[in-house]
Amino acid sequence: MNDEPCNNLQSPKKSLPRHLAIIMDGNGRWAQARGLKRADGHRAGAENVYTIIAECRKLGIPYLTLYAFSSENWNRPKAEIQELFNILTEFLNRFLPLMQEKCIRLQTLGDFEALPFAQRTALRHVMHATEQNSAMILNLAINYGGRQELVHAVQKIV
């Protein structure tokens, strides 16, 4: 990452967007096309997140949303889902010190209450630990879906 001090959210340099959103899709297919296991592709995708966060921070893009695990992903094989959750936990543990150092706040989109206990606990821990950080917002969309979001929005209105 860069050596910028912790700043409040600011406008990006030049004419860059203030918010970048990435759908993390195709990592399993990428791995299979190379004769690797799908899990290897998911791990490679998670490693790329570091570079993406670093570049967004360097360029001054204050909001990054990563669409990581949709509600439709529950239809994948159980072993693959478990591997994805393991990667999530490893990512959170590994990047918390970096998020603290670079003043990046983690937030979630979707319903993470349906996740296994270990992942819910790790997400809560990192969100709490970074809630005062103000230089960049990293939104992690997890267990999200269009239909689910509509139901949730109507419930909030009611």
C-alpha atoms as a PDB file:
ATOM      1  CA  MET A   1       0.000   0.000   0.000  1.00  0.00           C
ATOM      2  CA  ASN A   2       1.077   3.588  -0.146  1.00  0.00           C
ATOM      3  CA  ASP A   3       2.504   5.747   2.613  1.00  0.00           C
ATOM      4  CA  GLU A   4      -0.338   8.260   2.714  1.00  0.00           C
ATOM      5  CA  PRO A   5      -1.440   9.181   6.210  1.00  0.00           C
ATOM      6  CA  CYS A   6      -4.975   8.462   7.330  1.00  0.00           C
ATOM      7  CA  ASN A   7      -7.212  11.070   5.780  1.00  0.00           C
ATOM      8  CA  ASN A   8     -10.912  11.571   5.733  1.00  0.00           C
ATOM      9  CA  LEU A   9     -12.662  10.386   2.585  1.00  0.00           C
ATOM     10  CA  GLN A  10     -11.648  12.622  -0.254  1.00  0.00           C
ATOM     11  CA  SER A  11     -12.227  13.038  -3.950  1.00  0.00           C
ATOM     12  CA  PRO A  12     -10.114  10.815  -6.166  1.00  0.00           C
ATOM     13  CA  LYS A  13      -7.301  12.230  -8.220  1.00  0.00           C
ATOM     14  CA  LYS A  14      -8.047  13.395 -11.752  1.00  0.00           C
ATOM     15  CA  SER A  15     -11.354  12.262 -13.171  1.00  0.00           C
ATOM     16  CA  LEU A  16     -11.541   8.891 -11.467  1.00  0.00           C
ATOM     17  CA  PRO A  17     -14.739   7.566  -9.927  1.00  0.00           C
ATOM     18  CA  ARG A  18     -15.436   7.992  -6.221  1.00  0.00           C
ATOM     19  CA  HIS A  19     -16.802   4.464  -6.041  1.00  0.00           C
ATOM     20  CA  LEU A  20     -15.510   1.336  -7.746  1.00  0.00           C
ATOM     21  CA  ALA A  21     -17.540  -1.887  -7.624  1.00  0.00           C
ATOM     22  CA  ILE A  22     -16.206  -5.266  -8.704  1.00  0.00           C
ATOM     23  CA  ILE A  23     -18.122  -8.505  -9.115  1.00  0.00           C
ATOM     24  CA  MET A  24     -15.690 -11.230  -8.141  1.00  0.00           C
ATOM     25  CA  ASP A  25     -16.734 -13.810 -10.692  1.00  0.00           C
ATOM     26  CA  GLY A  26     -14.921 -16.296 -12.876  1.00  0.00           C
ATOM     27  CA  ASN A  27     -12.060 -17.249 -10.560  1.00  0.00           C
ATOM     28  CA  GLY A  28     -13.090 -20.906 -10.472  1.00  0.00           C
ATOM     29  CA  ARG A  29     -13.442 -21.058 -14.258  1.00  0.00           C
ATOM     30  CA  TRP A  30     -10.072 -19.296 -14.628  1.00  0.00           C
ATOM     31  CA  ALA A  31      -8.438 -22.007 -12.516  1.00  0.00           C
ATOM     32  CA  GLN A  32     -10.178 -24.883 -14.313  1.00  0.00           C
ATOM     33  CA  ALA A  33      -9.078 -23.520 -17.701  1.00  0.00           C
ATOM     34  CA  ARG A  34      -5.493 -23.786 -16.420  1.00  0.00           C
ATOM     35  CA  GLY A  35      -5.876 -27.293 -15.041  1.00  0.00           C
ATOM     36  CA  LEU A  36      -6.054 -26.073 -11.448  1.00  0.00           C
ATOM     37  CA  LYS A  37      -8.635 -26.656  -8.733  1.00  0.00           C
ATOM     38  CA  ARG A  38     -11.469 -24.129  -8.455  1.00  0.00           C
ATOM     39  CA  ALA A  39     -10.213 -23.299  -4.963  1.00  0.00           C
ATOM     40  CA  ASP A  40      -6.889 -22.212  -6.470  1.00  0.00           C
ATOM     41  CA  GLY A  41      -8.780 -19.703  -8.592  1.00  0.00           C
ATOM     42  CA  HIS A  42     -10.680 -18.394  -5.580  1.00  0.00           C
ATOM     43  CA  ARG A  43      -7.401 -17.954  -3.694  1.00  0.00           C
ATOM     44  CA  ALA A  44      -5.837 -16.143  -6.655  1.00  0.00           C
ATOM     45  CA  GLY A  45      -8.853 -13.820  -6.769  1.00  0.00           C
ATOM     46  CA  ALA A  46      -8.509 -13.100  -3.058  1.00  0.00           C
ATOM     47  CA  GLU A  47      -4.830 -12.280  -3.548  1.00  0.00           C
ATOM     48  CA  ASN A  48      -5.782  -9.776  -6.255  1.00  0.00           C
ATOM     49  CA  VAL A  49      -7.938  -7.962  -3.719  1.00  0.00           C
ATOM     50  CA  TYR A  50      -4.776  -6.668  -2.030  1.00  0.00           C
ATOM     51  CA  THR A  51      -3.608  -5.066  -5.270  1.00  0.00           C
ATOM     52  CA  ILE A  52      -7.049  -3.612  -5.962  1.00  0.00           C
ATOM     53  CA  ILE A  53      -7.305  -2.082  -2.493  1.00  0.00           C
ATOM     54  CA  ALA A  54      -3.772  -0.693  -2.741  1.00  0.00           C
ATOM     55  CA  GLU A  55      -4.454   0.941  -6.105  1.00  0.00           C
ATOM     56  CA  CYS A  56      -7.778   2.416  -4.982  1.00  0.00           C
ATOM     57  CA  ARG A  57      -6.103   3.845  -1.895  1.00  0.00           C
ATOM     58  CA  LYS A  58      -3.182   5.212  -3.941  1.00  0.00           C
ATOM     59  CA  LEU A  59      -5.518   6.818  -6.482  1.00  0.00           C
ATOM     60  CA  GLY A  60      -7.718   8.286  -3.779  1.00  0.00           C
ATOM     61  CA  ILE A  61     -10.846   6.306  -4.668  1.00  0.00           C
ATOM     62  CA  PRO A  62     -12.715   6.436  -1.354  1.00  0.00           C
ATOM     63  CA  TYR A  63     -15.243   3.626  -1.891  1.00  0.00           C
ATOM     64  CA  LEU A  64     -14.640   0.086  -3.093  1.00  0.00           C
ATOM     65  CA  THR A  65     -17.363  -2.551  -3.172  1.00  0.00           C
ATOM     66  CA  LEU A  66     -16.457  -6.188  -3.748  1.00  0.00           C
ATOM     67  CA  TYR A  67     -19.348  -8.478  -4.658  1.00  0.00           C
ATOM     68  CA  ALA A  68     -17.896 -11.649  -3.173  1.00  0.00           C
ATOM     69  CA  PHE A  69     -20.615 -14.215  -2.381  1.00  0.00           C
ATOM     70  CA  SER A  70     -24.175 -13.935  -3.657  1.00  0.00           C
ATOM     71  CA  SER A  71     -27.136 -15.800  -2.201  1.00  0.00           C
ATOM     72  CA  GLU A  72     -27.072 -17.935  -5.376  1.00  0.00           C
ATOM     73  CA  ASN A  73     -23.598 -19.191  -4.397  1.00  0.00           C
ATOM     74  CA  TRP A  74     -25.212 -21.408  -1.761  1.00  0.00           C
ATOM     75  CA  ASN A  75     -26.018 -23.751  -4.700  1.00  0.00           C
ATOM     76  CA  ARG A  76     -22.336 -24.579  -5.157  1.00  0.00           C
ATOM     77  CA  PRO A  77     -20.887 -27.837  -3.810  1.00  0.00           C
ATOM     78  CA  LYS A  78     -20.523 -27.772  -0.007  1.00  0.00           C
ATOM     79  CA  ALA A  79     -16.752 -28.266  -0.191  1.00  0.00           C
ATOM     80  CA  GLU A  80     -16.381 -25.230  -2.461  1.00  0.00           C
ATOM     81  CA  ILE A  81     -18.547 -23.097  -0.178  1.00  0.00           C
ATOM     82  CA  GLN A  82     -16.431 -24.140   2.813  1.00  0.00           C
ATOM     83  CA  GLU A  83     -13.277 -23.227   0.922  1.00  0.00           C
ATOM     84  CA  LEU A  84     -14.711 -19.809   0.049  1.00  0.00           C
ATOM     85  CA  PHE A  85     -15.516 -19.212   3.721  1.00  0.00           C
ATOM     86  CA  ASN A  86     -12.025 -20.332   4.740  1.00  0.00           C
ATOM     87  CA  ILE A  87     -10.563 -17.841   2.267  1.00  0.00           C
ATOM     88  CA  LEU A  88     -12.798 -15.107   3.697  1.00  0.00           C
ATOM     89  CA  THR A  89     -11.581 -15.761   7.229  1.00  0.00           C
ATOM     90  CA  GLU A  90      -7.938 -15.860   6.120  1.00  0.00           C
ATOM     91  CA  PHE A  91      -8.423 -12.602   4.201  1.00  0.00           C
ATOM     92  CA  LEU A  92      -9.978 -10.839   7.186  1.00  0.00           C
ATOM     93  CA  ASN A  93      -7.264 -11.992   9.589  1.00  0.00           C
ATOM     94  CA  ARG A  94      -4.467 -11.178   7.177  1.00  0.00           C
ATOM     95  CA  PHE A  95      -5.658  -7.739   6.114  1.00  0.00           C
ATOM     96  CA  LEU A  96      -6.914  -6.298   9.405  1.00  0.00           C
ATOM     97  CA  PRO A  97      -3.505  -4.829  10.329  1.00  0.00           C
ATOM     98  CA  LEU A  98      -3.242  -3.299   6.874  1.00  0.00           C
ATOM     99  CA  MET A  99      -6.762  -1.850   7.075  1.00  0.00           C
ATOM    100  CA  GLN A 100      -5.832  -0.322  10.415  1.00  0.00           C
ATOM    101  CA  GLU A 101      -2.565   1.091   9.103  1.00  0.00           C
ATOM    102  CA  LYS A 102      -4.212   2.618   6.026  1.00  0.00           C
ATOM    103  CA  CYS A 103      -7.411   3.720   7.821  1.00  0.00           C
ATOM    104  CA  ILE A 104      -9.735   1.548   5.746  1.00  0.00           C
ATOM    105  CA  ARG A 105     -13.155   0.769   7.201  1.00  0.00           C
ATOM    106  CA  LEU A 106     -14.848  -2.533   6.397  1.00  0.00           C
ATOM    107  CA  GLN A 107     -18.603  -2.620   5.939  1.00  0.00           C
ATOM    108  CA  THR A 108     -20.838  -5.400   4.642  1.00  0.00           C
ATOM    109  CA  LEU A 109     -23.772  -5.495   2.272  1.00  0.00           C
ATOM    110  CA  GLY A 110     -26.233  -8.362   2.301  1.00  0.00           C
ATOM    111  CA  ASP A 111     -27.165 -10.714   5.100  1.00  0.00           C
ATOM    112  CA  PHE A 112     -24.096 -12.196   6.704  1.00  0.00           C
ATOM    113  CA  GLU A 113     -26.122 -13.673   9.582  1.00  0.00           C
ATOM    114  CA  ALA A 114     -26.583 -16.859   7.525  1.00  0.00           C
ATOM    115  CA  LEU A 115     -22.821 -17.423   7.346  1.00  0.00           C
ATOM    116  CA  PRO A 116     -21.063 -19.919   9.589  1.00  0.00           C
ATOM    117  CA  PHE A 117     -20.230 -18.709  13.091  1.00  0.00           C
ATOM    118  CA  ALA A 118     -16.483 -18.308  12.450  1.00  0.00           C
ATOM    119  CA  GLN A 119     -17.043 -16.022   9.463  1.00  0.00           C
ATOM    120  CA  ARG A 120     -19.724 -13.951  11.214  1.00  0.00           C
ATOM    121  CA  THR A 121     -17.402 -13.539  14.179  1.00  0.00           C
ATOM    122  CA  ALA A 122     -14.447 -12.539  12.003  1.00  0.00           C
ATOM    123  CA  LEU A 123     -16.557 -10.043  10.040  1.00  0.00           C
ATOM    124  CA  ARG A 124     -17.930  -8.459  13.219  1.00  0.00           C
ATOM    125  CA  HIS A 125     -14.450  -8.243  14.703  1.00  0.00           C
ATOM    126  CA  VAL A 126     -12.946  -6.498  11.663  1.00  0.00           C
ATOM    127  CA  MET A 127     -15.925  -4.165  11.219  1.00  0.00           C
ATOM    128  CA  HIS A 128     -15.732  -3.160  14.867  1.00  0.00           C
ATOM    129  CA  ALA A 129     -11.944  -2.754  14.764  1.00  0.00           C
ATOM    130  CA  THR A 130     -12.125  -0.528  11.670  1.00  0.00           C
ATOM    131  CA  GLU A 131     -15.333   1.424  12.376  1.00  0.00           C
ATOM    132  CA  GLN A 132     -13.426   4.636  13.163  1.00  0.00           C
ATOM    133  CA  ASN A 133     -11.248   4.455  10.036  1.00  0.00           C
ATOM    134  CA  SER A 134     -12.060   7.192   7.574  1.00  0.00           C
ATOM    135  CA  ALA A 135      -9.687   7.207   4.612  1.00  0.00           C
ATOM    136  CA  MET A 136     -11.466   4.556   2.556  1.00  0.00           C
ATOM    137  CA  ILE A 137     -14.578   2.380   2.793  1.00  0.00           C
ATOM    138  CA  LEU A 138     -14.327  -1.257   1.710  1.00  0.00           C
ATOM    139  CA  ASN A 139     -17.806  -2.719   1.233  1.00  0.00           C
ATOM    140  CA  LEU A 140     -17.917  -6.493   1.135  1.00  0.00           C
ATOM    141  CA  ALA A 141     -21.125  -7.769  -0.440  1.00  0.00           C
ATOM    142  CA  ILE A 142     -21.721 -11.190   0.989  1.00  0.00           C
ATOM    143  CA  ASN A 143     -24.877 -13.315   0.864  1.00  0.00           C
ATOM    144  CA  TYR A 144     -26.588 -10.690  -1.233  1.00  0.00           C
ATOM    145  CA  GLY A 145     -29.201 -11.046  -3.943  1.00  0.00           C
ATOM    146  CA  GLY A 146     -31.706  -8.928  -5.835  1.00  0.00           C
ATOM    147  CA  ARG A 147     -34.806 -10.648  -4.522  1.00  0.00           C
ATOM    148  CA  GLN A 148     -33.443 -10.717  -0.990  1.00  0.00           C
ATOM    149  CA  GLU A 149     -32.616  -7.010  -1.143  1.00  0.00           C
ATOM    150  CA  LEU A 150     -36.138  -6.139  -2.291  1.00  0.00           C
ATOM    151  CA  VAL A 151     -37.682  -8.131   0.563  1.00  0.00           C
ATOM    152  CA  HIS A 152     -35.321  -6.484   3.054  1.00  0.00           C
ATOM    153  CA  ALA A 153     -36.136  -2.994   1.704  1.00  0.00           C
ATOM    154  CA  VAL A 154     -39.886  -3.601   1.985  1.00  0.00           C
ATOM    155  CA  GLN A 155     -39.455  -4.926   5.532  1.00  0.00           C
ATOM    156  CA  LYS A 156     -37.568  -1.760   6.479  1.00  0.00           C
ATOM    157  CA  ILE A 157     -40.308   0.419   5.001  1.00  0.00           C
ATOM    158  CA  VAL A 158     -43.044  -1.477   6.854  1.00  0.00           C
END
